[in-house]
Amino acid sequence: MVTAEIIGQLSELKNYKTGFCHIFLQHISASLMLNENVDPNVRHNMEAFSNNYVPENKEYFIHVIEVSDDMPAHIKSSLFGADVIIPITDGSLALGLWQGEHRDGGESRNLIITLHGESYT
């Protein structure tokens, strides 16, 4: 879950009474998703489902130049998406945000974050 990390780096978030936060993950083999942030089994189940739904090493994948999880990672990224819009209420984000890492040993990711809304000042 990356919610706390994002909030920790958005010091200006507390200045917003209402609005929205747009977060874009600038990568093609990872995704962002909103989901429950209380029970860690939800994340496990999402990963288990997506690995079953889009398995590695299938003979119909012809993009195999890199590693066996590369093409499934592109598909998962496309299915889950690379951006989210989260409401801002009283200076905080209301939902849990996960970054789905669809390849083993994923490198660092770049997030582009834009805040819009009515501020307290």
N, C-alpha and C. Protein backbone atom coordinates (compact mmCIF):
# COMPACT_ATOMS: atom_id res chain seq x y z
N MET A 1 0.84 -1.16 0.00
CA MET A 1 0.00 0.00 0.00
C MET A 1 0.89 1.24 0.00
N VAL A 2 0.54 2.21 -0.79
CA VAL A 2 1.37 3.42 -0.91
C VAL A 2 0.66 4.66 -0.40
N THR A 3 -0.51 4.51 0.19
CA THR A 3 -1.28 5.68 0.67
C THR A 3 -0.47 6.53 1.63
N ALA A 4 0.08 5.93 2.67
CA ALA A 4 0.82 6.68 3.68
C ALA A 4 2.04 7.39 3.09
N GLU A 5 2.74 6.72 2.19
CA GLU A 5 3.91 7.33 1.55
C GLU A 5 3.52 8.55 0.73
N ILE A 6 2.42 8.44 -0.01
CA ILE A 6 1.95 9.58 -0.82
C ILE A 6 1.51 10.72 0.07
N ILE A 7 0.70 10.43 1.07
CA ILE A 7 0.23 11.49 1.97
C ILE A 7 1.40 12.15 2.68
N GLY A 8 2.39 11.35 3.07
CA GLY A 8 3.57 11.89 3.74
C GLY A 8 4.37 12.86 2.89
N GLN A 9 4.28 12.74 1.57
CA GLN A 9 5.03 13.63 0.69
C GLN A 9 4.18 14.77 0.14
N LEU A 10 2.91 14.80 0.51
CA LEU A 10 2.02 15.88 0.04
C LEU A 10 1.67 16.81 1.19
N SER A 11 2.64 17.58 1.63
CA SER A 11 2.39 18.48 2.77
C SER A 11 1.27 19.47 2.49
N GLU A 12 1.07 19.84 1.22
CA GLU A 12 0.03 20.80 0.88
C GLU A 12 -1.38 20.20 0.91
N LEU A 13 -1.50 18.88 1.03
CA LEU A 13 -2.81 18.22 1.05
C LEU A 13 -3.68 18.75 2.19
N LYS A 14 -3.09 19.02 3.34
CA LYS A 14 -3.85 19.48 4.51
C LYS A 14 -4.51 20.84 4.28
N ASN A 15 -4.07 21.57 3.25
CA ASN A 15 -4.64 22.88 2.95
C ASN A 15 -5.93 22.81 2.14
N TYR A 16 -6.30 21.61 1.67
CA TYR A 16 -7.48 21.45 0.82
C TYR A 16 -8.69 21.03 1.63
N LYS A 17 -9.75 21.84 1.51
CA LYS A 17 -11.01 21.52 2.18
C LYS A 17 -11.74 20.41 1.41
N THR A 18 -11.89 20.60 0.11
CA THR A 18 -12.49 19.60 -0.78
C THR A 18 -11.75 19.64 -2.10
N GLY A 19 -11.87 18.57 -2.84
CA GLY A 19 -11.25 18.54 -4.16
C GLY A 19 -10.96 17.12 -4.57
N PHE A 20 -9.95 16.99 -5.43
CA PHE A 20 -9.54 15.65 -5.84
C PHE A 20 -8.04 15.62 -6.09
N CYS A 21 -7.53 14.42 -5.98
CA CYS A 21 -6.10 14.15 -6.18
C CYS A 21 -6.00 13.17 -7.33
N HIS A 22 -5.33 13.57 -8.39
CA HIS A 22 -5.11 12.68 -9.54
C HIS A 22 -3.69 12.15 -9.42
N ILE A 23 -3.56 10.82 -9.47
CA ILE A 23 -2.25 10.16 -9.35
C ILE A 23 -2.04 9.29 -10.58
N PHE A 24 -0.94 9.54 -11.26
CA PHE A 24 -0.59 8.79 -12.47
C PHE A 24 0.73 8.08 -12.24
N LEU A 25 0.75 6.78 -12.48
CA LEU A 25 1.95 5.96 -12.36
C LEU A 25 2.59 5.85 -13.73
N GLN A 26 3.77 6.40 -13.86
CA GLN A 26 4.44 6.49 -15.15
C GLN A 26 5.25 5.23 -15.41
N HIS A 27 4.53 4.12 -15.67
CA HIS A 27 5.20 2.86 -15.99
C HIS A 27 4.22 1.92 -16.66
N ILE A 28 4.74 0.96 -17.43
CA ILE A 28 3.88 0.09 -18.23
C ILE A 28 3.74 -1.33 -17.70
N SER A 29 4.37 -1.65 -16.58
CA SER A 29 4.21 -2.99 -16.02
C SER A 29 3.83 -2.94 -14.54
N ALA A 30 3.20 -1.85 -14.15
CA ALA A 30 2.69 -1.70 -12.78
C ALA A 30 1.37 -0.96 -12.89
N SER A 31 0.61 -0.95 -11.82
CA SER A 31 -0.69 -0.30 -11.86
C SER A 31 -1.02 0.32 -10.50
N LEU A 32 -2.05 1.13 -10.50
CA LEU A 32 -2.59 1.71 -9.27
C LEU A 32 -4.02 1.22 -9.12
N MET A 33 -4.42 0.96 -7.89
CA MET A 33 -5.80 0.57 -7.67
C MET A 33 -6.27 1.03 -6.30
N LEU A 34 -7.53 1.35 -6.23
CA LEU A 34 -8.16 1.68 -4.96
C LEU A 34 -8.79 0.42 -4.42
N ASN A 35 -8.60 0.19 -3.13
CA ASN A 35 -9.18 -0.99 -2.53
C ASN A 35 -9.15 -0.85 -1.02
N GLU A 36 -9.69 -1.83 -0.35
CA GLU A 36 -9.70 -1.87 1.11
C GLU A 36 -8.27 -1.83 1.63
N ASN A 37 -8.07 -1.11 2.73
CA ASN A 37 -6.73 -1.05 3.30
C ASN A 37 -6.69 -1.57 4.74
N VAL A 38 -7.69 -2.36 5.13
CA VAL A 38 -7.72 -2.90 6.48
C VAL A 38 -7.22 -4.34 6.50
N ASP A 39 -7.77 -5.18 5.65
CA ASP A 39 -7.45 -6.60 5.65
C ASP A 39 -6.40 -6.92 4.58
N PRO A 40 -5.19 -7.33 4.98
CA PRO A 40 -4.13 -7.63 4.00
C PRO A 40 -4.48 -8.80 3.09
N ASN A 41 -5.46 -9.62 3.47
CA ASN A 41 -5.87 -10.73 2.62
C ASN A 41 -6.48 -10.26 1.31
N VAL A 42 -7.05 -9.07 1.31
CA VAL A 42 -7.62 -8.53 0.07
C VAL A 42 -6.53 -8.38 -0.98
N ARG A 43 -5.41 -7.80 -0.59
CA ARG A 43 -4.30 -7.64 -1.54
C ARG A 43 -3.79 -8.99 -2.02
N HIS A 44 -3.65 -9.94 -1.10
CA HIS A 44 -3.22 -11.29 -1.48
C HIS A 44 -4.20 -11.89 -2.49
N ASN A 45 -5.49 -11.77 -2.21
CA ASN A 45 -6.49 -12.35 -3.10
C ASN A 45 -6.49 -11.68 -4.47
N MET A 46 -6.29 -10.36 -4.51
CA MET A 46 -6.22 -9.66 -5.79
C MET A 46 -5.04 -10.17 -6.61
N GLU A 47 -3.90 -10.36 -5.96
CA GLU A 47 -2.72 -10.86 -6.67
C GLU A 47 -2.92 -12.29 -7.13
N ALA A 48 -3.49 -13.13 -6.27
CA ALA A 48 -3.74 -14.52 -6.64
C ALA A 48 -4.70 -14.60 -7.82
N PHE A 49 -5.75 -13.80 -7.79
CA PHE A 49 -6.71 -13.79 -8.89
C PHE A 49 -6.05 -13.33 -10.19
N SER A 50 -5.31 -12.23 -10.13
CA SER A 50 -4.72 -11.71 -11.37
C SER A 50 -3.66 -12.65 -11.93
N ASN A 51 -2.91 -13.34 -11.06
CA ASN A 51 -1.93 -14.32 -11.54
C ASN A 51 -2.61 -15.53 -12.17
N ASN A 52 -3.78 -15.89 -11.67
CA ASN A 52 -4.54 -16.99 -12.26
C ASN A 52 -5.19 -16.56 -13.57
N TYR A 53 -5.69 -15.35 -13.59
CA TYR A 53 -6.39 -14.82 -14.77
C TYR A 53 -5.43 -14.52 -15.92
N VAL A 54 -4.23 -14.04 -15.59
CA VAL A 54 -3.20 -13.72 -16.59
C VAL A 54 -1.91 -14.43 -16.18
N PRO A 55 -1.80 -15.72 -16.48
CA PRO A 55 -0.63 -16.49 -16.05
C PRO A 55 0.61 -16.22 -16.91
N GLU A 56 1.75 -16.57 -16.38
CA GLU A 56 3.01 -16.47 -17.11
C GLU A 56 3.21 -17.70 -18.00
N ASN A 57 4.17 -17.59 -18.90
CA ASN A 57 4.64 -18.72 -19.72
C ASN A 57 3.55 -19.36 -20.58
N LYS A 58 2.66 -18.57 -21.12
CA LYS A 58 1.65 -19.12 -22.02
C LYS A 58 2.18 -19.09 -23.45
N GLU A 59 1.91 -20.14 -24.19
CA GLU A 59 2.46 -20.27 -25.54
C GLU A 59 1.93 -19.20 -26.50
N TYR A 60 0.80 -18.60 -26.19
CA TYR A 60 0.25 -17.57 -27.09
C TYR A 60 0.90 -16.21 -26.91
N PHE A 61 1.72 -16.01 -25.89
CA PHE A 61 2.46 -14.75 -25.74
C PHE A 61 3.66 -14.77 -26.68
N ILE A 62 3.68 -13.86 -27.64
CA ILE A 62 4.82 -13.81 -28.56
C ILE A 62 5.80 -12.70 -28.20
N HIS A 63 5.40 -11.79 -27.31
CA HIS A 63 6.33 -10.79 -26.78
C HIS A 63 7.04 -11.42 -25.59
N VAL A 64 8.17 -12.05 -25.86
CA VAL A 64 8.91 -12.77 -24.81
C VAL A 64 10.39 -12.37 -24.81
N ILE A 65 10.70 -11.19 -25.32
CA ILE A 65 12.09 -10.74 -25.42
C ILE A 65 12.71 -10.58 -24.03
N GLU A 66 11.93 -10.10 -23.09
CA GLU A 66 12.48 -9.85 -21.75
C GLU A 66 12.34 -11.10 -20.88
N VAL A 67 11.56 -11.05 -19.84
CA VAL A 67 11.39 -12.18 -18.92
C VAL A 67 9.97 -12.72 -19.01
N SER A 68 9.73 -13.87 -18.40
CA SER A 68 8.43 -14.55 -18.56
C SER A 68 7.26 -13.78 -17.97
N ASP A 69 7.53 -12.88 -17.02
CA ASP A 69 6.41 -12.13 -16.44
C ASP A 69 6.18 -10.78 -17.11
N ASP A 70 6.93 -10.48 -18.18
CA ASP A 70 6.82 -9.17 -18.82
C ASP A 70 5.47 -8.96 -19.51
N MET A 71 5.07 -9.86 -20.39
CA MET A 71 3.80 -9.68 -21.09
C MET A 71 2.61 -9.74 -20.14
N PRO A 72 2.56 -10.70 -19.20
CA PRO A 72 1.48 -10.66 -18.22
C PRO A 72 1.45 -9.34 -17.43
N ALA A 73 2.61 -8.76 -17.15
CA ALA A 73 2.66 -7.49 -16.43
C ALA A 73 2.04 -6.37 -17.26
N HIS A 74 2.31 -6.35 -18.57
CA HIS A 74 1.69 -5.34 -19.43
C HIS A 74 0.17 -5.49 -19.45
N ILE A 75 -0.31 -6.72 -19.51
CA ILE A 75 -1.76 -6.96 -19.52
C ILE A 75 -2.39 -6.53 -18.21
N LYS A 76 -1.78 -6.90 -17.08
CA LYS A 76 -2.32 -6.52 -15.77
C LYS A 76 -2.33 -5.02 -15.59
N SER A 77 -1.28 -4.36 -16.05
CA SER A 77 -1.24 -2.90 -15.97
C SER A 77 -2.37 -2.28 -16.77
N SER A 78 -2.65 -2.83 -17.94
CA SER A 78 -3.74 -2.32 -18.76
C SER A 78 -5.10 -2.59 -18.13
N LEU A 79 -5.26 -3.75 -17.52
CA LEU A 79 -6.54 -4.10 -16.89
C LEU A 79 -6.82 -3.26 -15.65
N PHE A 80 -5.83 -3.09 -14.79
CA PHE A 80 -6.03 -2.36 -13.55
C PHE A 80 -5.89 -0.85 -13.73
N GLY A 81 -5.07 -0.41 -14.65
CA GLY A 81 -4.92 1.02 -14.92
C GLY A 81 -3.73 1.65 -14.24
N ALA A 82 -3.33 2.78 -14.77
CA ALA A 82 -2.13 3.46 -14.27
C ALA A 82 -2.45 4.78 -13.60
N ASP A 83 -3.74 5.08 -13.41
CA ASP A 83 -4.07 6.32 -12.71
C ASP A 83 -5.35 6.16 -11.91
N VAL A 84 -5.47 7.00 -10.89
CA VAL A 84 -6.67 7.04 -10.06
C VAL A 84 -6.98 8.50 -9.72
N ILE A 85 -8.23 8.75 -9.45
CA ILE A 85 -8.67 10.06 -8.95
C ILE A 85 -9.34 9.79 -7.60
N ILE A 86 -8.83 10.44 -6.56
CA ILE A 86 -9.31 10.22 -5.20
C ILE A 86 -9.87 11.52 -4.64
N PRO A 87 -11.05 11.49 -4.05
CA PRO A 87 -11.60 12.70 -3.43
C PRO A 87 -10.75 13.16 -2.25
N ILE A 88 -10.67 14.46 -2.08
CA ILE A 88 -10.04 15.07 -0.91
C ILE A 88 -11.15 15.62 -0.05
N THR A 89 -11.16 15.24 1.22
CA THR A 89 -12.13 15.76 2.17
C THR A 89 -11.39 16.17 3.43
N ASP A 90 -11.54 17.43 3.80
CA ASP A 90 -10.90 17.97 5.01
C ASP A 90 -9.41 17.63 5.08
N GLY A 91 -8.71 17.81 3.97
CA GLY A 91 -7.27 17.66 3.94
C GLY A 91 -6.74 16.24 3.95
N SER A 92 -7.59 15.25 3.64
CA SER A 92 -7.09 13.88 3.61
C SER A 92 -7.72 13.09 2.48
N LEU A 93 -7.04 12.01 2.11
CA LEU A 93 -7.54 11.09 1.10
C LEU A 93 -8.31 9.99 1.83
N ALA A 94 -9.48 9.66 1.32
CA ALA A 94 -10.39 8.79 2.06
C ALA A 94 -10.16 7.30 1.83
N LEU A 95 -9.42 6.90 0.84
CA LEU A 95 -9.35 5.49 0.48
C LEU A 95 -7.92 4.97 0.49
N GLY A 96 -7.79 3.65 0.56
CA GLY A 96 -6.47 3.01 0.48
C GLY A 96 -6.04 2.88 -0.97
N LEU A 97 -4.80 3.19 -1.25
CA LEU A 97 -4.26 3.13 -2.61
C LEU A 97 -3.14 2.11 -2.65
N TRP A 98 -3.22 1.20 -3.59
CA TRP A 98 -2.20 0.19 -3.76
C TRP A 98 -1.48 0.40 -5.08
N GLN A 99 -0.19 0.14 -5.07
CA GLN A 99 0.55 0.06 -6.32
C GLN A 99 0.74 -1.41 -6.61
N GLY A 100 0.20 -1.87 -7.72
CA GLY A 100 0.37 -3.26 -8.13
C GLY A 100 1.68 -3.40 -8.88
N GLU A 101 2.56 -4.21 -8.37
CA GLU A 101 3.85 -4.47 -9.03
C GLU A 101 3.73 -5.80 -9.73
N HIS A 102 3.65 -5.79 -11.05
CA HIS A 102 3.31 -6.99 -11.80
C HIS A 102 4.53 -7.75 -12.35
N ARG A 103 5.72 -7.30 -12.02
CA ARG A 103 6.94 -8.01 -12.42
C ARG A 103 7.81 -8.21 -11.20
N ASP A 104 8.55 -9.30 -11.19
CA ASP A 104 9.51 -9.53 -10.11
C ASP A 104 10.62 -8.49 -10.20
N GLY A 105 11.02 -7.99 -9.04
CA GLY A 105 12.16 -7.06 -9.00
C GLY A 105 11.90 -5.75 -9.69
N GLY A 106 10.69 -5.22 -9.53
CA GLY A 106 10.36 -3.95 -10.18
C GLY A 106 11.28 -2.83 -9.75
N GLU A 107 11.68 -2.03 -10.71
CA GLU A 107 12.53 -0.89 -10.41
C GLU A 107 11.69 0.25 -9.83
N SER A 108 12.32 1.35 -9.50
CA SER A 108 11.59 2.47 -8.90
C SER A 108 10.56 3.00 -9.89
N ARG A 109 9.50 3.55 -9.35
CA ARG A 109 8.38 4.06 -10.15
C ARG A 109 8.24 5.56 -9.91
N ASN A 110 7.77 6.24 -10.93
CA ASN A 110 7.57 7.68 -10.85
C ASN A 110 6.07 7.96 -10.81
N LEU A 111 5.61 8.66 -9.78
CA LEU A 111 4.22 9.08 -9.67
C LEU A 111 4.11 10.56 -9.99
N ILE A 112 3.14 10.91 -10.81
CA ILE A 112 2.84 12.31 -11.07
C ILE A 112 1.53 12.60 -10.35
N ILE A 113 1.54 13.54 -9.42
CA ILE A 113 0.38 13.82 -8.57
C ILE A 113 -0.07 15.26 -8.77
N THR A 114 -1.36 15.43 -9.01
CA THR A 114 -1.94 16.75 -9.20
C THR A 114 -3.10 16.92 -8.23
N LEU A 115 -3.10 18.02 -7.49
CA LEU A 115 -4.19 18.33 -6.56
C LEU A 115 -5.03 19.46 -7.13
N HIS A 116 -6.35 19.32 -7.01
CA HIS A 116 -7.28 20.35 -7.44
C HIS A 116 -8.35 20.50 -6.37
N GLY A 117 -8.78 21.73 -6.11
CA GLY A 117 -9.89 21.87 -5.19
C GLY A 117 -9.91 23.20 -4.48
N GLU A 118 -10.76 23.24 -3.45
CA GLU A 118 -10.93 24.45 -2.65
C GLU A 118 -10.04 24.35 -1.43
N SER A 119 -9.24 25.38 -1.21
CA SER A 119 -8.33 25.36 -0.08
C SER A 119 -8.93 26.12 1.10
N TYR A 120 -8.37 25.87 2.28
CA TYR A 120 -8.79 26.58 3.48
C TYR A 120 -8.31 28.02 3.51
N THR A 121 -7.25 28.31 2.78
CA THR A 121 -6.65 29.65 2.84
C THR A 121 -7.28 30.61 1.86
